[in-house]
């Protein structure tokens, strides 16, 4: 039962924070950001929000700073939108899984291209 509740709250936080980032956040440091996942602890005290952003490492760090500075605003807005007695603390963390997946994809494409070139050089099809 408790797992289901924290899961439902995580989904609601995901939905609301995504909407707030699109419509309500005016921080110029926060560029194109995607909320990839939200995990809420079983005691509902902490919501870990994973995000991905496009740009260099410096731009991603700047985006993270902007998100962290927007936490009071986001918590206040979540309190208005969600029917919770207590809004969890929000912790933003960069999601490295997308960058890692893109890296693996690029490596696989490179291996495939080299394999195709090797076949073409040897005259095999």
PDB file of N, CA and C in Angstrom:
ATOM      1  N   UNK A   1       0.831  -1.194   0.000  1.00  0.00           N
ATOM      2  CA  UNK A   1       0.000   0.000   0.000  1.00  0.00           C
ATOM      3  C   UNK A   1       0.874   1.254   0.000  1.00  0.00           C
ATOM      4  N   UNK A   2       1.888   1.297   0.878  1.00  0.00           N
ATOM      5  CA  UNK A   2       2.744   2.476   0.974  1.00  0.00           C
ATOM      6  C   UNK A   2       3.529   2.691  -0.318  1.00  0.00           C
ATOM      7  N   UNK A   3       3.991   1.580  -0.927  1.00  0.00           N
ATOM      8  CA  UNK A   3       4.714   1.698  -2.191  1.00  0.00           C
ATOM      9  C   UNK A   3       3.810   2.324  -3.252  1.00  0.00           C
ATOM     10  N   UNK A   4       2.567   1.881  -3.317  1.00  0.00           N
ATOM     11  CA  UNK A   4       1.652   2.407  -4.317  1.00  0.00           C
ATOM     12  C   UNK A   4       1.420   3.901  -4.120  1.00  0.00           C
ATOM     13  N   UNK A   5       1.292   4.329  -2.890  1.00  0.00           N
ATOM     14  CA  UNK A   5       1.054   5.749  -2.629  1.00  0.00           C
ATOM     15  C   UNK A   5       2.263   6.578  -3.047  1.00  0.00           C
ATOM     16  N   UNK A   6       3.458   6.159  -2.677  1.00  0.00           N
ATOM     17  CA  UNK A   6       4.644   6.926  -3.054  1.00  0.00           C
ATOM     18  C   UNK A   6       4.831   6.917  -4.573  1.00  0.00           C
ATOM     19  N   UNK A   7       4.451   5.823  -5.210  1.00  0.00           N
ATOM     20  CA  UNK A   7       4.532   5.748  -6.673  1.00  0.00           C
ATOM     21  C   UNK A   7       3.542   6.732  -7.315  1.00  0.00           C
ATOM     22  N   UNK A   8       2.320   6.781  -6.789  1.00  0.00           N
ATOM     23  CA  UNK A   8       1.317   7.716  -7.319  1.00  0.00           C
ATOM     24  C   UNK A   8       1.760   9.160  -7.110  1.00  0.00           C
ATOM     25  N   UNK A   9       2.309   9.454  -5.941  1.00  0.00           N
ATOM     26  CA  UNK A   9       2.786  10.814  -5.662  1.00  0.00           C
ATOM     27  C   UNK A   9       3.941  11.160  -6.599  1.00  0.00           C
ATOM     28  N   UNK A  10       4.828  10.208  -6.854  1.00  0.00           N
ATOM     29  CA  UNK A  10       5.943  10.437  -7.775  1.00  0.00           C
ATOM     30  C   UNK A  10       5.424  10.771  -9.168  1.00  0.00           C
ATOM     31  N   UNK A  11       4.415  10.051  -9.624  1.00  0.00           N
ATOM     32  CA  UNK A  11       3.833  10.330 -10.938  1.00  0.00           C
ATOM     33  C   UNK A  11       3.216  11.723 -10.994  1.00  0.00           C
ATOM     34  N   UNK A  12       2.514  12.112  -9.933  1.00  0.00           N
ATOM     35  CA  UNK A  12       1.900  13.443  -9.887  1.00  0.00           C
ATOM     36  C   UNK A  12       2.956  14.542  -9.864  1.00  0.00           C
ATOM     37  N   UNK A  13       4.006  14.334  -9.081  1.00  0.00           N
ATOM     38  CA  UNK A  13       5.092  15.317  -9.023  1.00  0.00           C
ATOM     39  C   UNK A  13       5.751  15.433 -10.395  1.00  0.00           C
ATOM     40  N   UNK A  14       5.969  14.302 -11.052  1.00  0.00           N
ATOM     41  CA  UNK A  14       6.555  14.296 -12.397  1.00  0.00           C
ATOM     42  C   UNK A  14       5.707  15.152 -13.341  1.00  0.00           C
ATOM     43  N   UNK A  15       4.423  14.905 -13.344  1.00  0.00           N
ATOM     44  CA  UNK A  15       3.497  15.621 -14.218  1.00  0.00           C
ATOM     45  C   UNK A  15       3.483  17.122 -13.909  1.00  0.00           C
ATOM     46  N   UNK A  16       3.364  17.476 -12.646  1.00  0.00           N
ATOM     47  CA  UNK A  16       3.242  18.884 -12.256  1.00  0.00           C
ATOM     48  C   UNK A  16       4.545  19.657 -12.447  1.00  0.00           C
ATOM     49  N   UNK A  17       5.668  19.059 -12.085  1.00  0.00           N
ATOM     50  CA  UNK A  17       6.953  19.748 -12.259  1.00  0.00           C
ATOM     51  C   UNK A  17       7.233  19.952 -13.747  1.00  0.00           C
ATOM     52  N   UNK A  18       6.917  18.963 -14.569  1.00  0.00           N
ATOM     53  CA  UNK A  18       7.097  19.118 -16.015  1.00  0.00           C
ATOM     54  C   UNK A  18       6.273  20.288 -16.537  1.00  0.00           C
ATOM     55  N   UNK A  19       5.029  20.367 -16.108  1.00  0.00           N
ATOM     56  CA  UNK A  19       4.156  21.464 -16.536  1.00  0.00           C
ATOM     57  C   UNK A  19       4.681  22.810 -16.026  1.00  0.00           C
ATOM     58  N   UNK A  20       5.148  22.842 -14.798  1.00  0.00           N
ATOM     59  CA  UNK A  20       5.676  24.098 -14.244  1.00  0.00           C
ATOM     60  C   UNK A  20       6.931  24.554 -14.975  1.00  0.00           C
ATOM     61  N   UNK A  21       7.774  23.615 -15.371  1.00  0.00           N
ATOM     62  CA  UNK A  21       8.984  23.984 -16.106  1.00  0.00           C
ATOM     63  C   UNK A  21       8.635  24.574 -17.468  1.00  0.00           C
ATOM     64  N   UNK A  22       7.583  24.081 -18.073  1.00  0.00           N
ATOM     65  CA  UNK A  22       7.173  24.587 -19.380  1.00  0.00           C
ATOM     66  C   UNK A  22       6.509  25.957 -19.244  1.00  0.00           C
ATOM     67  N   UNK A  23       5.618  26.109 -18.275  1.00  0.00           N
ATOM     68  CA  UNK A  23       4.781  27.310 -18.206  1.00  0.00           C
ATOM     69  C   UNK A  23       5.178  28.335 -17.150  1.00  0.00           C
ATOM     70  N   UNK A  24       5.685  27.861 -16.016  1.00  0.00           N
ATOM     71  CA  UNK A  24       5.775  28.777 -14.896  1.00  0.00           C
ATOM     72  C   UNK A  24       7.151  29.231 -14.471  1.00  0.00           C
ATOM     73  N   UNK A  25       8.200  28.573 -14.943  1.00  0.00           N
ATOM     74  CA  UNK A  25       9.541  28.890 -14.456  1.00  0.00           C
ATOM     75  C   UNK A  25      10.191  29.926 -15.356  1.00  0.00           C
ATOM     76  N   UNK A  26      10.634  31.018 -14.775  1.00  0.00           N
ATOM     77  CA  UNK A  26      11.188  32.125 -15.557  1.00  0.00           C
ATOM     78  C   UNK A  26      12.707  32.239 -15.462  1.00  0.00           C
ATOM     79  N   UNK A  27      13.362  31.264 -14.847  1.00  0.00           N
ATOM     80  CA  UNK A  27      14.817  31.329 -14.674  1.00  0.00           C
ATOM     81  C   UNK A  27      15.505  31.125 -16.024  1.00  0.00           C
ATOM     82  N   UNK A  28      16.296  32.102 -16.471  1.00  0.00           N
ATOM     83  CA  UNK A  28      16.945  31.977 -17.786  1.00  0.00           C
ATOM     84  C   UNK A  28      18.010  30.875 -17.835  1.00  0.00           C
ATOM     85  N   UNK A  29      18.488  30.429 -16.678  1.00  0.00           N
ATOM     86  CA  UNK A  29      19.490  29.354 -16.656  1.00  0.00           C
ATOM     87  C   UNK A  29      18.900  28.015 -17.054  1.00  0.00           C
ATOM     88  N   UNK A  30      17.599  27.876 -16.858  1.00  0.00           N
ATOM     89  CA  UNK A  30      16.934  26.611 -17.152  1.00  0.00           C
ATOM     90  C   UNK A  30      16.495  26.642 -18.612  1.00  0.00           C
ATOM     91  N   UNK A  31      17.232  25.885 -19.430  1.00  0.00           N
ATOM     92  CA  UNK A  31      16.922  25.822 -20.854  1.00  0.00           C
ATOM     93  C   UNK A  31      15.968  24.689 -21.138  1.00  0.00           C
ATOM     94  N   UNK A  32      16.296  23.911 -22.152  1.00  0.00           N
ATOM     95  CA  UNK A  32      15.459  22.779 -22.523  1.00  0.00           C
ATOM     96  C   UNK A  32      15.748  21.626 -21.567  1.00  0.00           C
ATOM     97  N   UNK A  33      14.786  21.334 -20.691  1.00  0.00           N
ATOM     98  CA  UNK A  33      14.940  20.319 -19.658  1.00  0.00           C
ATOM     99  C   UNK A  33      13.813  19.303 -19.797  1.00  0.00           C
ATOM    100  N   UNK A  34      14.167  18.046 -19.631  1.00  0.00           N
ATOM    101  CA  UNK A  34      13.168  16.985 -19.608  1.00  0.00           C
ATOM    102  C   UNK A  34      13.275  16.259 -18.272  1.00  0.00           C
ATOM    103  N   UNK A  35      12.148  16.112 -17.612  1.00  0.00           N
ATOM    104  CA  UNK A  35      12.107  15.326 -16.377  1.00  0.00           C
ATOM    105  C   UNK A  35      11.987  13.863 -16.802  1.00  0.00           C
ATOM    106  N   UNK A  36      13.003  13.075 -16.471  1.00  0.00           N
ATOM    107  CA  UNK A  36      13.026  11.680 -16.924  1.00  0.00           C
ATOM    108  C   UNK A  36      12.409  10.719 -15.905  1.00  0.00           C
ATOM    109  N   UNK A  37      12.503  11.053 -14.626  1.00  0.00           N
ATOM    110  CA  UNK A  37      11.941  10.172 -13.602  1.00  0.00           C
ATOM    111  C   UNK A  37      11.827  10.934 -12.288  1.00  0.00           C
ATOM    112  N   UNK A  38      10.942  10.450 -11.437  1.00  0.00           N
ATOM    113  CA  UNK A  38      10.810  10.979 -10.074  1.00  0.00           C
ATOM    114  C   UNK A  38      10.698   9.790  -9.144  1.00  0.00           C
ATOM    115  N   UNK A  39      11.517   9.796  -8.104  1.00  0.00           N
ATOM    116  CA  UNK A  39      11.449   8.755  -7.078  1.00  0.00           C
ATOM    117  C   UNK A  39      11.130   9.431  -5.755  1.00  0.00           C
ATOM    118  N   UNK A  40      10.105   8.931  -5.087  1.00  0.00           N
ATOM    119  CA  UNK A  40       9.715   9.470  -3.785  1.00  0.00           C
ATOM    120  C   UNK A  40      10.004   8.408  -2.735  1.00  0.00           C
ATOM    121  N   UNK A  41      10.654   8.811  -1.642  1.00  0.00           N
ATOM    122  CA  UNK A  41      10.951   7.864  -0.573  1.00  0.00           C
ATOM    123  C   UNK A  41       9.656   7.375   0.066  1.00  0.00           C
ATOM    124  N   UNK A  42       9.708   6.223   0.697  1.00  0.00           N
ATOM    125  CA  UNK A  42       8.498   5.624   1.269  1.00  0.00           C
ATOM    126  C   UNK A  42       7.880   6.492   2.371  1.00  0.00           C
ATOM    127  N   UNK A  43       8.715   7.305   3.061  1.00  0.00           N
ATOM    128  CA  UNK A  43       8.168   8.188   4.098  1.00  0.00           C
ATOM    129  C   UNK A  43       7.672   9.512   3.527  1.00  0.00           C
ATOM    130  N   UNK A  44       7.759   9.657   2.186  1.00  0.00           N
ATOM    131  CA  UNK A  44       7.277  10.838   1.465  1.00  0.00           C
ATOM    132  C   UNK A  44       8.041  12.111   1.849  1.00  0.00           C
ATOM    133  N   UNK A  45       9.222  11.956   2.399  1.00  0.00           N
ATOM    134  CA  UNK A  45       9.994  13.116   2.833  1.00  0.00           C
ATOM    135  C   UNK A  45      10.877  13.708   1.746  1.00  0.00           C
ATOM    136  N   UNK A  46      11.215  12.912   0.731  1.00  0.00           N
ATOM    137  CA  UNK A  46      12.130  13.371  -0.309  1.00  0.00           C
ATOM    138  C   UNK A  46      11.667  12.885  -1.672  1.00  0.00           C
ATOM    139  N   UNK A  47      11.677  13.800  -2.634  1.00  0.00           N
ATOM    140  CA  UNK A  47      11.407  13.440  -4.029  1.00  0.00           C
ATOM    141  C   UNK A  47      12.673  13.722  -4.816  1.00  0.00           C
ATOM    142  N   UNK A  48      13.259  12.673  -5.357  1.00  0.00           N
ATOM    143  CA  UNK A  48      14.458  12.807  -6.184  1.00  0.00           C
ATOM    144  C   UNK A  48      13.981  12.936  -7.625  1.00  0.00           C
ATOM    145  N   UNK A  49      14.271  14.083  -8.250  1.00  0.00           N
ATOM    146  CA  UNK A  49      13.798  14.369  -9.603  1.00  0.00           C
ATOM    147  C   UNK A  49      14.989  14.287 -10.551  1.00  0.00           C
ATOM    148  N   UNK A  50      14.924  13.338 -11.480  1.00  0.00           N
ATOM    149  CA  UNK A  50      15.986  13.154 -12.460  1.00  0.00           C
ATOM    150  C   UNK A  50      15.634  13.932 -13.714  1.00  0.00           C
ATOM    151  N   UNK A  51      16.619  14.640 -14.265  1.00  0.00           N
ATOM    152  CA  UNK A  51      16.369  15.450 -15.446  1.00  0.00           C
ATOM    153  C   UNK A  51      17.480  15.254 -16.460  1.00  0.00           C
ATOM    154  N   UNK A  52      17.153  15.535 -17.697  1.00  0.00           N
ATOM    155  CA  UNK A  52      18.167  15.575 -18.746  1.00  0.00           C
ATOM    156  C   UNK A  52      18.079  16.954 -19.387  1.00  0.00           C
ATOM    157  N   UNK A  53      19.203  17.411 -19.912  1.00  0.00           N
ATOM    158  CA  UNK A  53      19.261  18.729 -20.537  1.00  0.00           C
ATOM    159  C   UNK A  53      20.206  18.665 -21.717  1.00  0.00           C
ATOM    160  N   UNK A  54      19.928  19.495 -22.692  1.00  0.00           N
ATOM    161  CA  UNK A  54      20.771  19.562 -23.873  1.00  0.00           C
ATOM    162  C   UNK A  54      21.798  20.663 -23.666  1.00  0.00           C
ATOM    163  N   UNK A  55      23.049  20.373 -24.040  1.00  0.00           N
ATOM    164  CA  UNK A  55      24.091  21.386 -23.958  1.00  0.00           C
ATOM    165  C   UNK A  55      25.396  20.817 -23.444  1.00  0.00           C
ATOM    166  N   UNK A  56      26.352  21.709 -23.315  1.00  0.00           N
ATOM    167  CA  UNK A  56      27.666  21.320 -22.810  1.00  0.00           C
ATOM    168  C   UNK A  56      27.581  21.031 -21.312  1.00  0.00           C
ATOM    169  N   UNK A  57      28.679  20.523 -20.768  1.00  0.00           N
ATOM    170  CA  UNK A  57      28.715  20.249 -19.322  1.00  0.00           C
ATOM    171  C   UNK A  57      28.461  21.515 -18.517  1.00  0.00           C
ATOM    172  N   UNK A  58      29.036  22.638 -18.962  1.00  0.00           N
ATOM    173  CA  UNK A  58      28.842  23.908 -18.254  1.00  0.00           C
ATOM    174  C   UNK A  58      27.379  24.332 -18.310  1.00  0.00           C
ATOM    175  N   UNK A  59      26.728  24.154 -19.449  1.00  0.00           N
ATOM    176  CA  UNK A  59      25.311  24.526 -19.571  1.00  0.00           C
ATOM    177  C   UNK A  59      24.435  23.632 -18.699  1.00  0.00           C
ATOM    178  N   UNK A  60      24.784  22.345 -18.630  1.00  0.00           N
ATOM    179  CA  UNK A  60      24.019  21.424 -17.784  1.00  0.00           C
ATOM    180  C   UNK A  60      24.184  21.807 -16.311  1.00  0.00           C
ATOM    181  N   UNK A  61      25.406  22.149 -15.909  1.00  0.00           N
ATOM    182  CA  UNK A  61      25.645  22.578 -14.519  1.00  0.00           C
ATOM    183  C   UNK A  61      24.858  23.848 -14.211  1.00  0.00           C
ATOM    184  N   UNK A  62      24.824  24.777 -15.165  1.00  0.00           N
ATOM    185  CA  UNK A  62      24.077  26.024 -14.994  1.00  0.00           C
ATOM    186  C   UNK A  62      22.580  25.730 -14.872  1.00  0.00           C
ATOM    187  N   UNK A  63      22.092  24.799 -15.685  1.00  0.00           N
ATOM    188  CA  UNK A  63      20.689  24.394 -15.613  1.00  0.00           C
ATOM    189  C   UNK A  63      20.382  23.788 -14.251  1.00  0.00           C
ATOM    190  N   UNK A  64      21.299  22.939 -13.766  1.00  0.00           N
ATOM    191  CA  UNK A  64      21.102  22.318 -12.456  1.00  0.00           C
ATOM    192  C   UNK A  64      21.036  23.365 -11.349  1.00  0.00           C
ATOM    193  N   UNK A  65      21.895  24.376 -11.437  1.00  0.00           N
ATOM    194  CA  UNK A  65      21.855  25.465 -10.452  1.00  0.00           C
ATOM    195  C   UNK A  65      20.520  26.197 -10.510  1.00  0.00           C
ATOM    196  N   UNK A  66      20.032  26.445 -11.720  1.00  0.00           N
ATOM    197  CA  UNK A  66      18.739  27.108 -11.876  1.00  0.00           C
ATOM    198  C   UNK A  66      17.606  26.286 -11.298  1.00  0.00           C
ATOM    199  N   UNK A  67      17.637  24.975 -11.531  1.00  0.00           N
ATOM    200  CA  UNK A  67      16.601  24.104 -10.979  1.00  0.00           C
ATOM    201  C   UNK A  67      16.651  24.083  -9.454  1.00  0.00           C
ATOM    202  N   UNK A  68      17.868  23.997  -8.914  1.00  0.00           N
ATOM    203  CA  UNK A  68      18.001  23.962  -7.454  1.00  0.00           C
ATOM    204  C   UNK A  68      17.526  25.273  -6.818  1.00  0.00           C
ATOM    205  N   UNK A  69      17.768  26.383  -7.489  1.00  0.00           N
ATOM    206  CA  UNK A  69      17.313  27.664  -6.932  1.00  0.00           C
ATOM    207  C   UNK A  69      15.793  27.827  -7.055  1.00  0.00           C
ATOM    208  N   UNK A  70      15.167  27.047  -7.937  1.00  0.00           N
ATOM    209  CA  UNK A  70      13.722  27.147  -8.118  1.00  0.00           C
ATOM    210  C   UNK A  70      12.937  26.225  -7.182  1.00  0.00           C
ATOM    211  N   UNK A  71      13.624  25.462  -6.348  1.00  0.00           N
ATOM    212  CA  UNK A  71      12.962  24.499  -5.465  1.00  0.00           C
ATOM    213  C   UNK A  71      11.896  25.148  -4.575  1.00  0.00           C
ATOM    214  N   UNK A  72      12.149  26.281  -3.919  1.00  0.00           N
ATOM    215  CA  UNK A  72      11.079  26.872  -3.096  1.00  0.00           C
ATOM    216  C   UNK A  72       9.817  27.208  -3.905  1.00  0.00           C
ATOM    217  N   UNK A  73      10.001  27.783  -5.092  1.00  0.00           N
ATOM    218  CA  UNK A  73       8.866  28.092  -5.965  1.00  0.00           C
ATOM    219  C   UNK A  73       8.122  26.813  -6.346  1.00  0.00           C
ATOM    220  N   UNK A  74       8.870  25.781  -6.750  1.00  0.00           N
ATOM    221  CA  UNK A  74       8.234  24.534  -7.166  1.00  0.00           C
ATOM    222  C   UNK A  74       7.486  23.865  -6.025  1.00  0.00           C
ATOM    223  N   UNK A  75       8.067  23.870  -4.833  1.00  0.00           N
ATOM    224  CA  UNK A  75       7.378  23.268  -3.682  1.00  0.00           C
ATOM    225  C   UNK A  75       6.098  24.029  -3.352  1.00  0.00           C
ATOM    226  N   UNK A  76       6.156  25.347  -3.437  1.00  0.00           N
ATOM    227  CA  UNK A  76       4.973  26.179  -3.170  1.00  0.00           C
ATOM    228  C   UNK A  76       3.875  25.869  -4.193  1.00  0.00           C
ATOM    229  N   UNK A  77       4.251  25.763  -5.453  1.00  0.00           N
ATOM    230  CA  UNK A  77       3.277  25.448  -6.502  1.00  0.00           C
ATOM    231  C   UNK A  77       2.732  24.021  -6.351  1.00  0.00           C
ATOM    232  N   UNK A  78       3.598  23.079  -5.986  1.00  0.00           N
ATOM    233  CA  UNK A  78       3.131  21.705  -5.764  1.00  0.00           C
ATOM    234  C   UNK A  78       2.141  21.649  -4.602  1.00  0.00           C
ATOM    235  N   UNK A  79       2.395  22.442  -3.562  1.00  0.00           N
ATOM    236  CA  UNK A  79       1.480  22.478  -2.417  1.00  0.00           C
ATOM    237  C   UNK A  79       0.094  22.962  -2.855  1.00  0.00           C
ATOM    238  N   UNK A  80       0.047  23.898  -3.794  1.00  0.00           N
ATOM    239  CA  UNK A  80      -1.237  24.386  -4.296  1.00  0.00           C
ATOM    240  C   UNK A  80      -1.943  23.345  -5.158  1.00  0.00           C
ATOM    241  N   UNK A  81      -1.167  22.575  -5.929  1.00  0.00           N
ATOM    242  CA  UNK A  81      -1.753  21.672  -6.921  1.00  0.00           C
ATOM    243  C   UNK A  81      -2.031  20.265  -6.401  1.00  0.00           C
ATOM    244  N   UNK A  82      -1.239  19.800  -5.460  1.00  0.00           N
ATOM    245  CA  UNK A  82      -1.402  18.440  -4.941  1.00  0.00           C
ATOM    246  C   UNK A  82      -2.088  18.489  -3.586  1.00  0.00           C
ATOM    247  N   UNK A  83      -2.873  17.501  -3.314  1.00  0.00           N
ATOM    248  CA  UNK A  83      -3.566  17.452  -2.022  1.00  0.00           C
ATOM    249  C   UNK A  83      -2.752  16.598  -1.053  1.00  0.00           C
ATOM    250  N   UNK A  84      -1.670  17.185  -0.572  1.00  0.00           N
ATOM    251  CA  UNK A  84      -0.804  16.495   0.374  1.00  0.00           C
ATOM    252  C   UNK A  84      -0.680  17.350   1.632  1.00  0.00           C
ATOM    253  N   UNK A  85      -0.583  16.694   2.766  1.00  0.00           N
ATOM    254  CA  UNK A  85      -0.344  17.436   3.998  1.00  0.00           C
ATOM    255  C   UNK A  85       1.061  18.016   4.009  1.00  0.00           C
ATOM    256  N   UNK A  86       1.981  17.273   3.396  1.00  0.00           N
ATOM    257  CA  UNK A  86       3.382  17.689   3.383  1.00  0.00           C
ATOM    258  C   UNK A  86       3.941  17.451   1.984  1.00  0.00           C
ATOM    259  N   UNK A  87       4.522  18.483   1.408  1.00  0.00           N
ATOM    260  CA  UNK A  87       5.166  18.337   0.103  1.00  0.00           C
ATOM    261  C   UNK A  87       6.609  17.909   0.354  1.00  0.00           C
ATOM    262  N   UNK A  88       7.059  16.845  -0.292  1.00  0.00           N
ATOM    263  CA  UNK A  88       8.424  16.364  -0.059  1.00  0.00           C
ATOM    264  C   UNK A  88       9.476  17.396  -0.457  1.00  0.00           C
ATOM    265  N   UNK A  89      10.640  17.270   0.151  1.00  0.00           N
ATOM    266  CA  UNK A  89      11.784  18.064  -0.292  1.00  0.00           C
ATOM    267  C   UNK A  89      12.105  17.623  -1.716  1.00  0.00           C
ATOM    268  N   UNK A  90      12.542  18.563  -2.541  1.00  0.00           N
ATOM    269  CA  UNK A  90      12.854  18.248  -3.927  1.00  0.00           C
ATOM    270  C   UNK A  90      14.364  18.270  -4.127  1.00  0.00           C
ATOM    271  N   UNK A  91      14.864  17.219  -4.737  1.00  0.00           N
ATOM    272  CA  UNK A  91      16.289  17.117  -5.023  1.00  0.00           C
ATOM    273  C   UNK A  91      16.451  16.812  -6.508  1.00  0.00           C
ATOM    274  N   UNK A  92      17.068  17.745  -7.239  1.00  0.00           N
ATOM    275  CA  UNK A  92      17.285  17.554  -8.670  1.00  0.00           C
ATOM    276  C   UNK A  92      18.626  16.867  -8.899  1.00  0.00           C
ATOM    277  N   UNK A  93      18.610  15.849  -9.772  1.00  0.00           N
ATOM    278  CA  UNK A  93      19.832  15.129 -10.135  1.00  0.00           C
ATOM    279  C   UNK A  93      19.852  14.929 -11.636  1.00  0.00           C
ATOM    280  N   UNK A  94      21.013  15.194 -12.238  1.00  0.00           N
ATOM    281  CA  UNK A  94      21.153  14.996 -13.673  1.00  0.00           C
ATOM    282  C   UNK A  94      21.099  13.504 -13.982  1.00  0.00           C
ATOM    283  N   UNK A  95      20.324  13.127 -14.985  1.00  0.00           N
ATOM    284  CA  UNK A  95      20.167  11.735 -15.391  1.00  0.00           C
ATOM    285  C   UNK A  95      21.211  11.419 -16.458  1.00  0.00           C
ATOM    286  N   UNK A  96      22.223  10.666 -16.071  1.00  0.00           N
ATOM    287  CA  UNK A  96      23.310  10.329 -16.984  1.00  0.00           C
ATOM    288  C   UNK A  96      22.937   9.178 -17.929  1.00  0.00           C
ATOM    289  N   UNK A  97      21.831   8.519 -17.689  1.00  0.00           N
ATOM    290  CA  UNK A  97      21.494   7.335 -18.476  1.00  0.00           C
ATOM    291  C   UNK A  97      21.257   7.657 -19.947  1.00  0.00           C
ATOM    292  N   UNK A  98      20.677   8.823 -20.256  1.00  0.00           N
ATOM    293  CA  UNK A  98      20.448   9.174 -21.657  1.00  0.00           C
ATOM    294  C   UNK A  98      21.763   9.428 -22.379  1.00  0.00           C
ATOM    295  N   UNK A  99      22.665  10.148 -21.739  1.00  0.00           N
ATOM    296  CA  UNK A  99      23.971  10.408 -22.349  1.00  0.00           C
ATOM    297  C   UNK A  99      24.735   9.097 -22.523  1.00  0.00           C
ATOM    298  N   UNK A 100      24.640   8.214 -21.545  1.00  0.00           N
ATOM    299  CA  UNK A 100      25.304   6.915 -21.631  1.00  0.00           C
ATOM    300  C   UNK A 100      24.704   6.095 -22.772  1.00  0.00           C
ATOM    301  N   UNK A 101      23.387   6.107 -22.887  1.00  0.00           N
ATOM    302  CA  UNK A 101      22.716   5.390 -23.968  1.00  0.00           C
ATOM    303  C   UNK A 101      23.108   5.926 -25.332  1.00  0.00           C
ATOM    304  N   UNK A 102      23.208   7.249 -25.459  1.00  0.00           N
ATOM    305  CA  UNK A 102      23.637   7.855 -26.722  1.00  0.00           C
ATOM    306  C   UNK A 102      25.070   7.459 -27.061  1.00  0.00           C
ATOM    307  N   UNK A 103      25.923   7.385 -26.036  1.00  0.00           N
ATOM    308  CA  UNK A 103      27.314   6.987 -26.237  1.00  0.00           C
ATOM    309  C   UNK A 103      27.382   5.538 -26.745  1.00  0.00           C
ATOM    310  N   UNK A 104      26.625   4.649 -26.124  1.00  0.00           N
ATOM    311  CA  UNK A 104      26.593   3.238 -26.533  1.00  0.00           C
ATOM    312  C   UNK A 104      26.062   3.130 -27.970  1.00  0.00           C
ATOM    313  N   UNK A 105      25.019   3.897 -28.280  1.00  0.00           N
ATOM    314  CA  UNK A 105      24.454   3.890 -29.617  1.00  0.00           C
ATOM    315  C   UNK A 105      25.493   4.328 -30.655  1.00  0.00           C
ATOM    316  N   UNK A 106      26.240   5.379 -30.330  1.00  0.00           N
ATOM    317  CA  UNK A 106      27.280   5.859 -31.248  1.00  0.00           C
ATOM    318  C   UNK A 106      28.367   4.802 -31.448  1.00  0.00           C
ATOM    319  N   UNK A 107      28.757   4.134 -30.376  1.00  0.00           N
ATOM    320  CA  UNK A 107      29.763   3.073 -30.491  1.00  0.00           C
ATOM    321  C   UNK A 107      29.260   1.917 -31.357  1.00  0.00           C
ATOM    322  N   UNK A 108      27.995   1.547 -31.183  1.00  0.00           N
ATOM    323  CA  UNK A 108      27.438   0.460 -31.985  1.00  0.00           C
ATOM    324  C   UNK A 108      27.373   0.850 -33.471  1.00  0.00           C
ATOM    325  N   UNK A 109      26.995   2.102 -33.747  1.00  0.00           N
ATOM    326  CA  UNK A 109      26.979   2.562 -35.130  1.00  0.00           C
ATOM    327  C   UNK A 109      28.382   2.549 -35.721  1.00  0.00           C
ATOM    328  N   UNK A 110      29.379   2.939 -34.929  1.00  0.00           N
ATOM    329  CA  UNK A 110      30.765   2.945 -35.394  1.00  0.00           C
ATOM    330  C   UNK A 110      31.227   1.519 -35.710  1.00  0.00           C
ATOM    331  N   UNK A 111      30.931   0.580 -34.836  1.00  0.00           N
ATOM    332  CA  UNK A 111      31.313  -0.812 -35.059  1.00  0.00           C
ATOM    333  C   UNK A 111      30.609  -1.346 -36.305  1.00  0.00           C
ATOM    334  N   UNK A 112      29.343  -1.022 -36.459  1.00  0.00           N
ATOM    335  CA  UNK A 112      28.580  -1.474 -37.623  1.00  0.00           C
ATOM    336  C   UNK A 112      29.170  -0.900 -38.906  1.00  0.00           C
ATOM    337  N   UNK A 113      29.548   0.361 -38.904  1.00  0.00           N
ATOM    338  CA  UNK A 113      30.148   0.997 -40.074  1.00  0.00           C
ATOM    339  C   UNK A 113      31.488   0.347 -40.407  1.00  0.00           C
ATOM    340  N   UNK A 114      32.310   0.099 -39.401  1.00  0.00           N
ATOM    341  CA  UNK A 114      33.606  -0.553 -39.618  1.00  0.00           C
ATOM    342  C   UNK A 114      33.415  -1.962 -40.150  1.00  0.00           C
ATOM    343  N   UNK A 115      32.430  -2.662 -39.623  1.00  0.00           N
ATOM    344  CA  UNK A 115      32.149  -4.028 -40.076  1.00  0.00           C
ATOM    345  C   UNK A 115      31.709  -4.015 -41.542  1.00  0.00           C
ATOM    346  N   UNK A 116      30.849  -3.076 -41.902  1.00  0.00           N
ATOM    347  CA  UNK A 116      30.382  -2.944 -43.282  1.00  0.00           C
ATOM    348  C   UNK A 116      31.546  -2.595 -44.210  1.00  0.00           C
ATOM    349  N   UNK A 117      32.422  -1.680 -43.773  1.00  0.00           N
ATOM    350  CA  UNK A 117      33.597  -1.308 -44.569  1.00  0.00           C
ATOM    351  C   UNK A 117      34.518  -2.512 -44.775  1.00  0.00           C
ATOM    352  N   UNK A 118      34.708  -3.309 -43.724  1.00  0.00           N
ATOM    353  CA  UNK A 118      35.565  -4.497 -43.830  1.00  0.00           C
ATOM    354  C   UNK A 118      34.995  -5.493 -44.837  1.00  0.00           C
ATOM    355  N   UNK A 119      33.671  -5.652 -44.826  1.00  0.00           N
ATOM    356  CA  UNK A 119      33.041  -6.571 -45.772  1.00  0.00           C
ATOM    357  C   UNK A 119      33.203  -6.053 -47.209  1.00  0.00           C
ATOM    358  N   UNK A 120      33.031  -4.741 -47.395  1.00  0.00           N
ATOM    359  CA  UNK A 120      33.164  -4.148 -48.726  1.00  0.00           C
ATOM    360  C   UNK A 120      34.609  -4.296 -49.246  1.00  0.00           C
ATOM    361  N   UNK A 121      35.592  -4.137 -48.367  1.00  0.00           N
ATOM    362  CA  UNK A 121      36.998  -4.241 -48.750  1.00  0.00           C
ATOM    363  C   UNK A 121      37.359  -5.672 -49.157  1.00  0.00           C
ATOM    364  N   UNK A 122      36.764  -6.646 -48.513  1.00  0.00           N
ATOM    365  CA  UNK A 122      37.111  -8.038 -48.809  1.00  0.00           C
ATOM    366  C   UNK A 122      36.279  -8.602 -49.965  1.00  0.00           C
ATOM    367  N   UNK A 123      35.315  -7.814 -50.437  1.00  0.00           N
ATOM    368  CA  UNK A 123      34.515  -8.228 -51.580  1.00  0.00           C
ATOM    369  C   UNK A 123      33.384  -9.169 -51.217  1.00  0.00           C
ATOM    370  N   UNK A 124      33.102  -9.314 -49.935  1.00  0.00           N
ATOM    371  CA  UNK A 124      32.007 -10.190 -49.490  1.00  0.00           C
ATOM    372  C   UNK A 124      30.736  -9.374 -49.347  1.00  0.00           C
ATOM    373  N   UNK A 125      29.591 -10.039 -49.491  1.00  0.00           N
ATOM    374  CA  UNK A 125      28.293  -9.418 -49.260  1.00  0.00           C
ATOM    375  C   UNK A 125      27.441 -10.290 -48.409  1.00  0.00           C
TER     376      UNK A 125
END
